[in-house]
């Protein structure tokens, strides 16, 4: 009998338009699309060991079961999560994201912990942190 420890399987992001968000992440951030359901109510990106998934903001599960999802209404608001993507060349990745429609927040700069980090917003106002790979000792 094996261990019953959990495996972190998904991060689900609630968005206005699943197909549009999946296409945006593929173009702006270079993510590979794993799946876009025929219903257009579920999409997944390849993202290493954990899947990034998208589902509509308004649906039975949120409005009738778990509670209403609130997307940011202005640039002064944000949801209590951010997506973090690491790249070999964070400057080039940041430039591509902005060129493909991400909203620039802060260009990549080296932080005190040694990682180069920049911030953008996706088409739903979600903050995406774009960083260099962190080297652990």
C-alpha atoms as a PDB file:
ATOM      1  CA  UNK A   1       0.000   0.000   0.000  1.00  0.00           C
ATOM      2  CA  UNK A   2       1.416   3.400  -1.037  1.00  0.00           C
ATOM      3  CA  UNK A   3       1.552   6.751   0.678  1.00  0.00           C
ATOM      4  CA  UNK A   4      -1.565   8.890   0.788  1.00  0.00           C
ATOM      5  CA  UNK A   5       0.325  12.181   0.426  1.00  0.00           C
ATOM      6  CA  UNK A   6      -1.284  14.659  -1.968  1.00  0.00           C
ATOM      7  CA  UNK A   7       0.127  15.646  -5.336  1.00  0.00           C
ATOM      8  CA  UNK A   8      -0.466  19.257  -6.376  1.00  0.00           C
ATOM      9  CA  UNK A   9      -2.374  18.640  -9.585  1.00  0.00           C
ATOM     10  CA  UNK A  10      -3.907  21.909 -10.810  1.00  0.00           C
ATOM     11  CA  UNK A  11      -4.076  25.617 -10.351  1.00  0.00           C
ATOM     12  CA  UNK A  12      -7.462  26.690 -11.749  1.00  0.00           C
ATOM     13  CA  UNK A  13      -7.820  30.247 -13.005  1.00  0.00           C
ATOM     14  CA  UNK A  14     -11.338  31.636 -13.434  1.00  0.00           C
ATOM     15  CA  UNK A  15     -11.535  33.738 -16.585  1.00  0.00           C
ATOM     16  CA  UNK A  16     -14.088  35.483 -18.797  1.00  0.00           C
ATOM     17  CA  UNK A  17     -13.322  33.456 -21.948  1.00  0.00           C
ATOM     18  CA  UNK A  18     -11.467  30.145 -21.603  1.00  0.00           C
ATOM     19  CA  UNK A  19     -10.489  29.759 -25.274  1.00  0.00           C
ATOM     20  CA  UNK A  20      -9.260  33.361 -25.449  1.00  0.00           C
ATOM     21  CA  UNK A  21      -7.175  32.987 -22.263  1.00  0.00           C
ATOM     22  CA  UNK A  22      -5.650  29.683 -23.411  1.00  0.00           C
ATOM     23  CA  UNK A  23      -4.685  31.251 -26.758  1.00  0.00           C
ATOM     24  CA  UNK A  24      -3.305  34.340 -24.997  1.00  0.00           C
ATOM     25  CA  UNK A  25      -1.056  32.302 -22.670  1.00  0.00           C
ATOM     26  CA  UNK A  26       0.193  30.259 -25.631  1.00  0.00           C
ATOM     27  CA  UNK A  27       1.093  33.383 -27.618  1.00  0.00           C
ATOM     28  CA  UNK A  28       2.191  35.794 -24.884  1.00  0.00           C
ATOM     29  CA  UNK A  29       4.044  33.418 -22.575  1.00  0.00           C
ATOM     30  CA  UNK A  30       5.036  30.560 -24.917  1.00  0.00           C
ATOM     31  CA  UNK A  31       2.986  27.949 -23.022  1.00  0.00           C
ATOM     32  CA  UNK A  32       2.017  24.735 -24.799  1.00  0.00           C
ATOM     33  CA  UNK A  33      -1.699  23.996 -24.828  1.00  0.00           C
ATOM     34  CA  UNK A  34      -2.428  20.584 -23.360  1.00  0.00           C
ATOM     35  CA  UNK A  35      -6.179  20.641 -23.900  1.00  0.00           C
ATOM     36  CA  UNK A  36      -9.082  22.903 -24.801  1.00  0.00           C
ATOM     37  CA  UNK A  37     -12.357  21.109 -24.114  1.00  0.00           C
ATOM     38  CA  UNK A  38     -14.933  21.114 -26.928  1.00  0.00           C
ATOM     39  CA  UNK A  39     -17.331  22.881 -24.545  1.00  0.00           C
ATOM     40  CA  UNK A  40     -14.812  25.758 -24.293  1.00  0.00           C
ATOM     41  CA  UNK A  41     -15.401  25.617 -20.518  1.00  0.00           C
ATOM     42  CA  UNK A  42     -12.070  23.982 -19.624  1.00  0.00           C
ATOM     43  CA  UNK A  43      -8.559  24.508 -20.932  1.00  0.00           C
ATOM     44  CA  UNK A  44      -5.145  23.326 -19.779  1.00  0.00           C
ATOM     45  CA  UNK A  45      -1.552  24.404 -20.381  1.00  0.00           C
ATOM     46  CA  UNK A  46       1.608  22.319 -20.065  1.00  0.00           C
ATOM     47  CA  UNK A  47       3.516  23.791 -17.139  1.00  0.00           C
ATOM     48  CA  UNK A  48       5.876  21.218 -15.713  1.00  0.00           C
ATOM     49  CA  UNK A  49       4.573  18.911 -13.003  1.00  0.00           C
ATOM     50  CA  UNK A  50       1.536  21.076 -12.163  1.00  0.00           C
ATOM     51  CA  UNK A  51      -1.168  21.948 -14.671  1.00  0.00           C
ATOM     52  CA  UNK A  52      -2.455  25.489 -15.155  1.00  0.00           C
ATOM     53  CA  UNK A  53      -6.155  25.180 -15.978  1.00  0.00           C
ATOM     54  CA  UNK A  54      -8.792  27.725 -16.986  1.00  0.00           C
ATOM     55  CA  UNK A  55     -12.554  27.672 -16.375  1.00  0.00           C
ATOM     56  CA  UNK A  56     -15.292  30.327 -16.699  1.00  0.00           C
ATOM     57  CA  UNK A  57     -15.846  32.873 -13.948  1.00  0.00           C
ATOM     58  CA  UNK A  58     -19.617  32.432 -14.063  1.00  0.00           C
ATOM     59  CA  UNK A  59     -20.823  28.850 -13.666  1.00  0.00           C
ATOM     60  CA  UNK A  60     -22.842  26.600 -11.369  1.00  0.00           C
ATOM     61  CA  UNK A  61     -19.787  25.629  -9.288  1.00  0.00           C
ATOM     62  CA  UNK A  62     -18.964  29.245  -8.401  1.00  0.00           C
ATOM     63  CA  UNK A  63     -22.317  30.933  -8.236  1.00  0.00           C
ATOM     64  CA  UNK A  64     -24.305  28.124  -6.609  1.00  0.00           C
ATOM     65  CA  UNK A  65     -21.761  26.031  -4.671  1.00  0.00           C
ATOM     66  CA  UNK A  66     -18.442  27.657  -3.727  1.00  0.00           C
ATOM     67  CA  UNK A  67     -19.114  31.402  -4.084  1.00  0.00           C
ATOM     68  CA  UNK A  68     -18.903  34.181  -6.657  1.00  0.00           C
ATOM     69  CA  UNK A  69     -15.536  34.861  -8.299  1.00  0.00           C
ATOM     70  CA  UNK A  70     -14.516  38.532  -8.420  1.00  0.00           C
ATOM     71  CA  UNK A  71     -12.051  39.615 -11.088  1.00  0.00           C
ATOM     72  CA  UNK A  72     -10.102  42.872 -10.640  1.00  0.00           C
ATOM     73  CA  UNK A  73     -12.114  45.916 -11.679  1.00  0.00           C
ATOM     74  CA  UNK A  74      -9.169  48.306 -11.942  1.00  0.00           C
ATOM     75  CA  UNK A  75      -5.375  48.381 -12.020  1.00  0.00           C
ATOM     76  CA  UNK A  76      -5.441  49.141  -8.288  1.00  0.00           C
ATOM     77  CA  UNK A  77      -7.050  45.754  -7.556  1.00  0.00           C
ATOM     78  CA  UNK A  78      -5.824  42.208  -8.029  1.00  0.00           C
ATOM     79  CA  UNK A  79      -6.835  38.725  -6.999  1.00  0.00           C
ATOM     80  CA  UNK A  80      -4.921  37.122  -4.104  1.00  0.00           C
ATOM     81  CA  UNK A  81      -2.822  34.948  -6.402  1.00  0.00           C
ATOM     82  CA  UNK A  82      -0.231  35.407  -9.088  1.00  0.00           C
ATOM     83  CA  UNK A  83       1.102  33.115 -11.759  1.00  0.00           C
ATOM     84  CA  UNK A  84       4.887  32.713 -11.701  1.00  0.00           C
ATOM     85  CA  UNK A  85       6.667  31.583 -14.859  1.00  0.00           C
ATOM     86  CA  UNK A  86      10.436  31.101 -15.059  1.00  0.00           C
ATOM     87  CA  UNK A  87      12.510  31.503 -18.221  1.00  0.00           C
ATOM     88  CA  UNK A  88      16.125  31.166 -19.310  1.00  0.00           C
ATOM     89  CA  UNK A  89      15.878  34.631 -20.937  1.00  0.00           C
ATOM     90  CA  UNK A  90      13.364  36.598 -18.876  1.00  0.00           C
ATOM     91  CA  UNK A  91      13.981  39.851 -20.798  1.00  0.00           C
ATOM     92  CA  UNK A  92      13.028  38.275 -24.131  1.00  0.00           C
ATOM     93  CA  UNK A  93      10.034  36.501 -22.564  1.00  0.00           C
ATOM     94  CA  UNK A  94       8.820  39.748 -20.972  1.00  0.00           C
ATOM     95  CA  UNK A  95       9.171  41.652 -24.252  1.00  0.00           C
ATOM     96  CA  UNK A  96       7.204  38.945 -26.128  1.00  0.00           C
ATOM     97  CA  UNK A  97       4.433  38.954 -23.496  1.00  0.00           C
ATOM     98  CA  UNK A  98       3.977  42.724 -23.766  1.00  0.00           C
ATOM     99  CA  UNK A  99       4.099  42.619 -27.581  1.00  0.00           C
ATOM    100  CA  UNK A 100       1.392  39.913 -27.559  1.00  0.00           C
ATOM    101  CA  UNK A 101      -0.991  41.879 -25.352  1.00  0.00           C
ATOM    102  CA  UNK A 102       0.090  41.519 -21.723  1.00  0.00           C
ATOM    103  CA  UNK A 103      -0.055  44.783 -19.780  1.00  0.00           C
ATOM    104  CA  UNK A 104       3.384  45.862 -18.585  1.00  0.00           C
ATOM    105  CA  UNK A 105       3.668  46.507 -14.844  1.00  0.00           C
ATOM    106  CA  UNK A 106       7.400  46.372 -14.098  1.00  0.00           C
ATOM    107  CA  UNK A 107      10.279  45.467 -16.436  1.00  0.00           C
ATOM    108  CA  UNK A 108      12.623  42.681 -15.307  1.00  0.00           C
ATOM    109  CA  UNK A 109      15.204  43.688 -12.707  1.00  0.00           C
ATOM    110  CA  UNK A 110      17.522  41.706 -10.458  1.00  0.00           C
ATOM    111  CA  UNK A 111      16.069  41.289  -6.974  1.00  0.00           C
ATOM    112  CA  UNK A 112      17.998  40.976  -3.717  1.00  0.00           C
ATOM    113  CA  UNK A 113      17.584  37.185  -3.771  1.00  0.00           C
ATOM    114  CA  UNK A 114      19.407  37.041  -7.129  1.00  0.00           C
ATOM    115  CA  UNK A 115      16.459  36.361  -9.422  1.00  0.00           C
ATOM    116  CA  UNK A 116      15.617  38.671 -12.320  1.00  0.00           C
ATOM    117  CA  UNK A 117      11.871  39.403 -12.116  1.00  0.00           C
ATOM    118  CA  UNK A 118       9.345  41.394 -14.134  1.00  0.00           C
ATOM    119  CA  UNK A 119       5.571  41.703 -13.782  1.00  0.00           C
ATOM    120  CA  UNK A 120       2.722  41.898 -16.300  1.00  0.00           C
ATOM    121  CA  UNK A 121      -1.055  41.482 -16.191  1.00  0.00           C
ATOM    122  CA  UNK A 122      -2.884  38.986 -18.369  1.00  0.00           C
ATOM    123  CA  UNK A 123      -6.107  39.765 -20.256  1.00  0.00           C
ATOM    124  CA  UNK A 124      -8.181  39.090 -17.118  1.00  0.00           C
ATOM    125  CA  UNK A 125      -6.089  41.349 -14.878  1.00  0.00           C
ATOM    126  CA  UNK A 126      -4.187  38.509 -13.210  1.00  0.00           C
ATOM    127  CA  UNK A 127      -0.607  39.365 -12.288  1.00  0.00           C
ATOM    128  CA  UNK A 128       2.003  37.174 -13.957  1.00  0.00           C
ATOM    129  CA  UNK A 129       5.483  37.212 -12.440  1.00  0.00           C
ATOM    130  CA  UNK A 130       8.124  36.435 -15.048  1.00  0.00           C
ATOM    131  CA  UNK A 131      11.439  35.407 -13.565  1.00  0.00           C
ATOM    132  CA  UNK A 132      14.784  33.871 -14.314  1.00  0.00           C
ATOM    133  CA  UNK A 133      15.440  30.353 -13.064  1.00  0.00           C
ATOM    134  CA  UNK A 134      16.536  30.420  -9.429  1.00  0.00           C
ATOM    135  CA  UNK A 135      19.718  28.503  -8.752  1.00  0.00           C
ATOM    136  CA  UNK A 136      19.682  26.721  -5.406  1.00  0.00           C
ATOM    137  CA  UNK A 137      22.930  25.846  -3.653  1.00  0.00           C
END
